[in-house]
Amino acid sequence: MAWARALNPWLTCRLRLRVSPSHVIRQKPLSADIAACRRKQADTYHLSFNLMSVSLMPTSWIESESKVLARAIRCHRTLSHLVHFGLDGAFPFPEHPYGQDVLVAINVLRQRLGLSVDGRPGDVDLLVVPTRDSPMADRAIAIEIKIVRPTMAKPSRNANAMGASQAIGLFEDGFPFAGLVHICIPSPLPPELHLSVPKALNKLGPDGKLLYSGEFFSFDPFPLLSAQRQLGRIAALQLPEEVGYNVLGVNLSKDGQRFAGHTLGDERKAVRNPRSSPDLIEAIRRLCVENPDLFRRVCWNDGGG
């Protein structure tokens, strides 16, 4: 139960589950009173075996950063929240972050952009280039990505590396906008530990309060709690104020093959790099024009994903 206490105190109380009496193992005869007491303790405090038998989903793809990103850029909803902190900085009000398409590439090697081969990072995990009639390379966003994979056994697991030096490296390379993103993909909690959240209606009652349908939906809080913890860790890095960041806690679909939902709002807007490199901006533009196969064009208003 230590893993649940590490998640959150209010989650610990969710561990008061019903356990089948068959799970009470008697090694020797007990008096009726003692046996009843033991059964009550097991019924109240012990997790049933199905806690540890959450259906094993084919999720080996989450072990690969490139595979996670490949799926993320194919889901408009996930991608839009993943890169919002950068687009919001590149297109401040009255412009709109999603008022133009974006060209998205993953794992772009430094040398393809004319950067020093021995620099850090060795590649750009996610390169986002807004585009209208032509690439808007002067508003390109370079993002360092880290995947965090907490489990029930290790709920506070961190990324293998925080990515601070890589994000700062992108900033120092002269990208117009630079940022760091941590994507939290925890193992799913068993249904017994989900929260029941009331379904709200899209209207107010006579007293001005939101009305509810009386129905509830099941909510796995693990991604939310993981994202909150990771946000604190990133804030403690004290990145340069121009470097934006975002933390995304992700729920997977029941079959474990797609993103089913994610957290919102755990971000800091990127600010234009005062040391943007004109040579790098030109290299980004050329890469978009001469190597379009490296990019996926995302049209926000086509309803995809």
Protein backbone atom coordinates (compact mmCIF):
# COMPACT_ATOMS: atom_id res chain seq x y z
CA MET A 1 0.00 0.00 0.00
CA ALA A 2 3.04 2.28 0.12
CA TRP A 3 2.63 3.11 -3.56
CA ALA A 4 -0.86 4.44 -2.97
CA ARG A 5 0.24 6.62 -0.08
CA ALA A 6 2.94 8.01 -2.35
CA LEU A 7 0.33 8.96 -4.92
CA ASN A 8 -1.86 11.07 -2.68
CA PRO A 9 -3.39 10.84 0.80
CA TRP A 10 -6.94 10.98 -0.51
CA LEU A 11 -6.18 8.15 -2.91
CA THR A 12 -5.06 5.94 -0.04
CA CYS A 13 -8.56 5.86 1.36
CA ARG A 14 -9.72 4.30 -1.92
CA LEU A 15 -7.94 1.11 -0.86
CA ARG A 16 -10.85 0.03 1.32
CA LEU A 17 -11.96 -2.63 -1.11
CA ARG A 18 -14.16 -5.68 -0.92
CA VAL A 19 -12.15 -8.89 -0.93
CA SER A 20 -13.65 -12.33 -1.36
CA PRO A 21 -13.65 -14.36 1.89
CA SER A 22 -11.82 -17.04 -0.07
CA HIS A 23 -8.75 -14.84 0.05
CA VAL A 24 -8.50 -15.34 3.84
CA ILE A 25 -6.01 -18.19 4.27
CA ARG A 26 -6.32 -20.23 7.46
CA GLN A 27 -3.17 -22.06 8.47
CA LYS A 28 -4.68 -23.56 11.63
CA PRO A 29 -8.11 -23.67 13.27
CA LEU A 30 -9.18 -20.34 14.74
CA SER A 31 -11.94 -19.47 17.09
CA ALA A 32 -15.04 -18.06 15.43
CA ASP A 33 -14.34 -14.58 16.85
CA ILE A 34 -10.73 -14.51 15.70
CA ALA A 35 -11.65 -15.84 12.27
CA ALA A 36 -14.36 -13.17 11.89
CA CYS A 37 -11.90 -10.49 12.93
CA ARG A 38 -9.33 -11.73 10.40
CA ARG A 39 -11.94 -11.77 7.65
CA LYS A 40 -12.98 -8.21 8.52
CA GLN A 41 -9.37 -7.02 8.40
CA ALA A 42 -8.84 -8.63 5.05
CA ASP A 43 -12.15 -7.27 3.78
CA THR A 44 -11.20 -3.73 4.79
CA TYR A 45 -7.48 -3.36 4.32
CA HIS A 46 -6.12 -5.89 1.87
CA LEU A 47 -6.23 -5.58 -1.88
CA SER A 48 -7.71 -8.52 -3.69
CA PHE A 49 -5.59 -10.41 -6.16
CA ASN A 50 -7.31 -8.62 -9.02
CA LEU A 51 -5.51 -5.44 -7.93
CA MET A 52 -2.32 -6.93 -9.31
CA SER A 53 -3.99 -8.56 -12.29
CA VAL A 54 -4.94 -5.42 -14.18
CA SER A 55 -5.30 -6.66 -17.74
CA LEU A 56 -1.92 -6.67 -19.45
CA MET A 57 -2.18 -4.41 -22.47
CA PRO A 58 0.19 -4.53 -25.44
CA THR A 59 1.89 -1.23 -24.59
CA SER A 60 5.51 -1.94 -25.46
CA TRP A 61 5.38 1.09 -27.78
CA ILE A 62 5.41 3.47 -24.82
CA GLU A 63 8.99 2.36 -24.09
CA SER A 64 10.11 4.10 -27.28
CA GLU A 65 10.14 7.90 -27.32
CA SER A 66 9.96 8.01 -31.12
CA LYS A 67 6.93 5.68 -31.18
CA VAL A 68 5.16 7.77 -28.56
CA LEU A 69 5.79 10.92 -30.59
CA ALA A 70 4.73 9.23 -33.83
CA ARG A 71 1.34 8.47 -32.27
CA ALA A 72 1.07 11.88 -30.62
CA ILE A 73 1.48 13.81 -33.87
CA ARG A 74 -1.29 11.74 -35.45
CA CYS A 75 -3.81 12.78 -32.81
CA HIS A 76 -4.83 16.42 -33.22
CA ARG A 77 -6.13 16.72 -29.69
CA THR A 78 -2.97 15.35 -28.08
CA LEU A 79 -0.63 17.29 -30.35
CA SER A 80 -2.50 20.55 -29.88
CA HIS A 81 -2.05 20.44 -26.10
CA LEU A 82 1.49 19.12 -26.40
CA VAL A 83 2.69 22.15 -28.38
CA HIS A 84 0.26 24.84 -27.14
CA PHE A 85 2.88 26.44 -24.86
CA GLY A 86 5.05 27.10 -27.92
CA LEU A 87 2.33 28.17 -30.36
CA ASP A 88 0.90 30.52 -27.74
CA GLY A 89 4.27 32.23 -27.54
CA ALA A 90 4.79 32.29 -31.30
CA PHE A 91 1.33 33.74 -31.97
CA PRO A 92 0.42 36.11 -29.13
CA PHE A 93 -3.00 37.77 -29.01
CA PRO A 94 -4.64 38.95 -31.23
CA GLU A 95 -3.14 36.16 -33.36
CA HIS A 96 -4.37 32.63 -32.73
CA PRO A 97 -2.12 29.66 -31.85
CA TYR A 98 -4.12 27.41 -34.16
CA GLY A 99 -4.80 29.92 -36.92
CA GLN A 100 -2.34 28.23 -39.26
CA ASP A 101 -1.24 24.69 -40.09
CA VAL A 102 1.96 23.23 -38.68
CA LEU A 103 4.69 21.06 -40.15
CA VAL A 104 5.86 18.56 -37.54
CA ALA A 105 9.01 16.42 -37.62
CA ILE A 106 10.51 14.12 -35.01
CA ASN A 107 14.15 13.32 -34.25
CA VAL A 108 15.70 15.85 -36.66
CA LEU A 109 19.49 15.46 -36.59
CA ARG A 110 21.50 18.59 -35.83
CA GLN A 111 23.61 18.31 -38.96
CA ARG A 112 20.51 18.55 -41.15
CA LEU A 113 20.11 22.07 -39.80
CA GLY A 114 23.75 23.04 -40.21
CA LEU A 115 24.45 22.82 -36.48
CA SER A 116 27.64 21.48 -34.93
CA VAL A 117 27.61 17.67 -34.86
CA ASP A 118 29.11 17.50 -31.37
CA GLY A 119 26.58 19.92 -29.86
CA ARG A 120 23.82 19.02 -27.43
CA PRO A 121 21.18 17.74 -27.99
CA GLY A 122 22.14 15.40 -30.82
CA ASP A 123 18.74 15.83 -32.43
CA VAL A 124 15.56 17.85 -32.10
CA ASP A 125 12.93 15.53 -30.63
CA LEU A 126 10.03 17.59 -31.98
CA LEU A 127 10.36 20.38 -34.52
CA VAL A 128 7.17 22.38 -35.12
CA VAL A 129 7.11 24.86 -38.01
CA PRO A 130 3.92 26.91 -38.51
CA THR A 131 2.97 27.32 -42.15
CA ARG A 132 0.50 29.15 -44.34
CA ASP A 133 1.45 29.69 -47.96
CA SER A 134 5.06 28.93 -46.98
CA PRO A 135 6.91 27.76 -43.84
CA MET A 136 7.09 30.38 -41.11
CA ALA A 137 10.55 29.32 -40.01
CA ASP A 138 11.04 32.46 -37.92
CA ARG A 139 8.40 31.06 -35.56
CA ALA A 140 9.72 27.49 -35.43
CA ILE A 141 9.56 25.68 -32.08
CA ALA A 142 12.20 23.13 -31.04
CA ILE A 143 11.13 20.84 -28.20
CA GLU A 144 13.03 18.38 -26.03
CA ILE A 145 10.79 15.46 -25.01
CA LYS A 146 11.07 13.15 -22.02
CA ILE A 147 8.75 10.22 -21.30
CA VAL A 148 7.90 9.38 -17.67
CA ARG A 149 6.47 5.93 -16.96
CA PRO A 150 5.29 5.63 -13.33
CA THR A 151 3.92 2.29 -12.14
CA MET A 152 1.96 1.11 -9.14
CA ALA A 153 5.20 -0.33 -7.74
CA LYS A 154 7.09 2.95 -8.39
CA PRO A 155 4.52 5.75 -8.49
CA SER A 156 7.10 8.52 -8.09
CA ARG A 157 9.35 7.27 -10.90
CA ASN A 158 11.07 10.11 -12.71
CA ALA A 159 12.41 10.40 -16.25
CA ASN A 160 15.88 8.92 -16.76
CA ALA A 161 17.07 12.48 -17.40
CA MET A 162 15.19 15.72 -16.91
CA GLY A 163 16.18 17.23 -20.27
CA ALA A 164 17.20 20.63 -18.91
CA SER A 165 20.60 20.74 -20.61
CA GLN A 166 19.06 19.68 -23.95
CA ALA A 167 16.33 22.34 -23.76
CA ILE A 168 18.91 24.99 -22.89
CA GLY A 169 21.03 23.70 -25.76
CA LEU A 170 18.15 24.28 -28.20
CA PHE A 171 17.81 27.81 -26.85
CA GLU A 172 21.54 28.47 -27.21
CA ASP A 173 21.53 27.01 -30.73
CA GLY A 174 19.28 29.90 -31.71
CA PHE A 175 15.90 28.31 -32.37
CA PRO A 176 13.20 31.05 -32.37
CA PHE A 177 11.31 29.21 -29.62
CA ALA A 178 12.55 26.38 -27.40
CA GLY A 179 10.88 24.21 -24.81
CA LEU A 180 10.84 21.09 -22.68
CA VAL A 181 7.93 18.64 -22.48
CA HIS A 182 7.48 15.69 -20.13
CA ILE A 183 4.83 13.16 -21.12
CA CYS A 184 3.62 11.04 -18.19
CA ILE A 185 2.23 7.66 -19.23
CA PRO A 186 1.63 5.75 -15.99
CA SER A 187 0.41 2.19 -15.81
CA PRO A 188 -3.40 2.14 -15.43
CA LEU A 189 -4.83 1.79 -11.96
CA PRO A 190 -7.32 -1.04 -11.42
CA PRO A 191 -11.00 -0.01 -11.55
CA GLU A 192 -11.27 -0.26 -7.76
CA LEU A 193 -8.99 2.76 -7.44
CA HIS A 194 -10.73 4.96 -10.00
CA LEU A 195 -12.67 8.00 -8.90
CA SER A 196 -16.35 8.42 -9.62
CA VAL A 197 -16.91 11.83 -11.18
CA PRO A 198 -20.44 13.22 -11.61
CA LYS A 199 -21.50 14.06 -15.16
CA ALA A 200 -22.47 17.72 -15.47
CA LEU A 201 -25.19 19.06 -17.73
CA ASN A 202 -24.50 22.07 -19.91
CA LYS A 203 -26.97 24.26 -18.06
CA LEU A 204 -27.54 26.03 -14.77
CA GLY A 205 -30.34 25.57 -12.28
CA PRO A 206 -32.61 28.31 -10.90
CA ASP A 207 -30.03 29.04 -8.22
CA GLY A 208 -27.34 29.62 -10.83
CA LYS A 209 -25.45 26.46 -9.96
CA LEU A 210 -24.36 23.83 -12.46
CA LEU A 211 -26.78 20.95 -12.87
CA TYR A 212 -25.71 17.31 -12.87
CA SER A 213 -27.27 14.34 -14.66
CA GLY A 214 -27.09 11.99 -11.68
CA GLU A 215 -24.76 9.72 -13.63
CA PHE A 216 -21.06 9.17 -12.96
CA PHE A 217 -18.05 8.23 -15.02
CA SER A 218 -14.93 6.41 -13.89
CA PHE A 219 -11.71 8.43 -13.76
CA ASP A 220 -8.16 7.11 -13.35
CA PRO A 221 -6.32 9.82 -11.34
CA PHE A 222 -2.81 8.42 -11.84
CA PRO A 223 -1.92 10.56 -14.93
CA LEU A 224 -3.14 13.72 -13.20
CA LEU A 225 -1.16 13.05 -10.03
CA SER A 226 1.93 12.12 -12.04
CA ALA A 227 1.72 15.32 -14.09
CA GLN A 228 1.39 17.44 -10.95
CA ARG A 229 4.51 15.85 -9.46
CA GLN A 230 6.46 16.24 -12.70
CA LEU A 231 5.45 19.89 -13.05
CA GLY A 232 7.04 20.62 -9.68
CA ARG A 233 10.22 18.88 -10.75
CA ILE A 234 10.46 20.91 -13.97
CA ALA A 235 9.75 24.18 -12.16
CA ALA A 236 12.64 23.39 -9.82
CA LEU A 237 15.04 23.24 -12.80
CA GLN A 238 14.95 27.06 -13.06
CA LEU A 239 15.17 27.06 -16.84
CA PRO A 240 15.83 30.37 -18.63
CA GLU A 241 12.61 32.39 -18.69
CA GLU A 242 12.43 32.20 -22.49
CA VAL A 243 12.36 28.39 -22.45
CA GLY A 244 8.79 27.18 -22.17
CA TYR A 245 7.68 23.87 -20.74
CA ASN A 246 4.69 21.59 -20.56
CA VAL A 247 3.70 18.43 -18.71
CA LEU A 248 1.11 16.10 -20.17
CA GLY A 249 -0.42 13.25 -18.16
CA VAL A 250 -1.87 10.69 -20.54
CA ASN A 251 -4.57 8.03 -20.28
CA LEU A 252 -4.45 5.17 -22.76
CA SER A 253 -7.42 3.51 -24.41
CA LYS A 254 -8.60 0.15 -23.05
CA ASP A 255 -6.64 -1.72 -25.70
CA GLY A 256 -3.53 0.32 -24.87
CA GLN A 257 -3.01 1.43 -28.46
CA ARG A 258 -3.97 5.11 -28.46
CA PHE A 259 -4.25 8.21 -26.30
CA ALA A 260 -7.69 8.39 -24.73
CA GLY A 261 -7.31 11.57 -22.68
CA HIS A 262 -4.80 13.87 -21.06
CA THR A 263 -4.31 16.63 -18.53
CA LEU A 264 -4.40 20.34 -19.36
CA GLY A 265 -2.79 23.55 -18.24
CA ASP A 266 0.52 22.42 -16.72
CA GLU A 267 2.68 24.67 -18.88
CA ARG A 268 4.77 27.83 -19.16
CA LYS A 269 4.55 29.80 -22.39
CA ALA A 270 7.68 29.98 -24.51
CA VAL A 271 9.11 33.45 -25.19
CA ARG A 272 10.85 34.46 -28.41
CA ASN A 273 14.56 33.79 -28.22
CA PRO A 274 16.42 37.13 -28.28
CA ARG A 275 19.38 35.27 -29.78
CA SER A 276 17.53 33.62 -32.65
CA SER A 277 19.93 32.61 -35.39
CA PRO A 278 19.13 33.91 -38.92
CA ASP A 279 21.26 31.10 -40.38
CA LEU A 280 19.33 28.47 -38.42
CA ILE A 281 15.99 29.99 -39.41
CA GLU A 282 17.04 29.79 -43.07
CA ALA A 283 18.17 26.18 -42.59
CA ILE A 284 14.77 25.30 -41.11
CA ARG A 285 13.00 26.92 -44.05
CA ARG A 286 15.17 25.01 -46.54
CA LEU A 287 14.58 21.73 -44.74
CA CYS A 288 10.81 22.21 -44.96
CA VAL A 289 10.95 23.03 -48.68
CA GLU A 290 13.59 20.53 -49.80
CA ASN A 291 12.69 17.60 -47.53
CA PRO A 292 8.90 17.64 -47.13
CA ASP A 293 8.93 13.89 -46.49
CA LEU A 294 10.45 14.56 -43.05
CA PHE A 295 7.36 16.48 -41.95
CA ARG A 296 3.75 15.73 -41.27
CA ARG A 297 1.42 18.59 -42.12
CA VAL A 298 -1.30 19.08 -39.51
CA CYS A 299 -4.40 21.08 -40.43
CA TRP A 300 -6.11 21.90 -37.14
CA ASN A 301 -9.52 22.45 -38.71
CA ASP A 302 -9.79 19.20 -40.66
CA GLY A 303 -11.19 17.31 -37.68
CA GLY A 304 -8.48 14.67 -37.64
CA GLY A 305 -7.48 12.70 -34.57
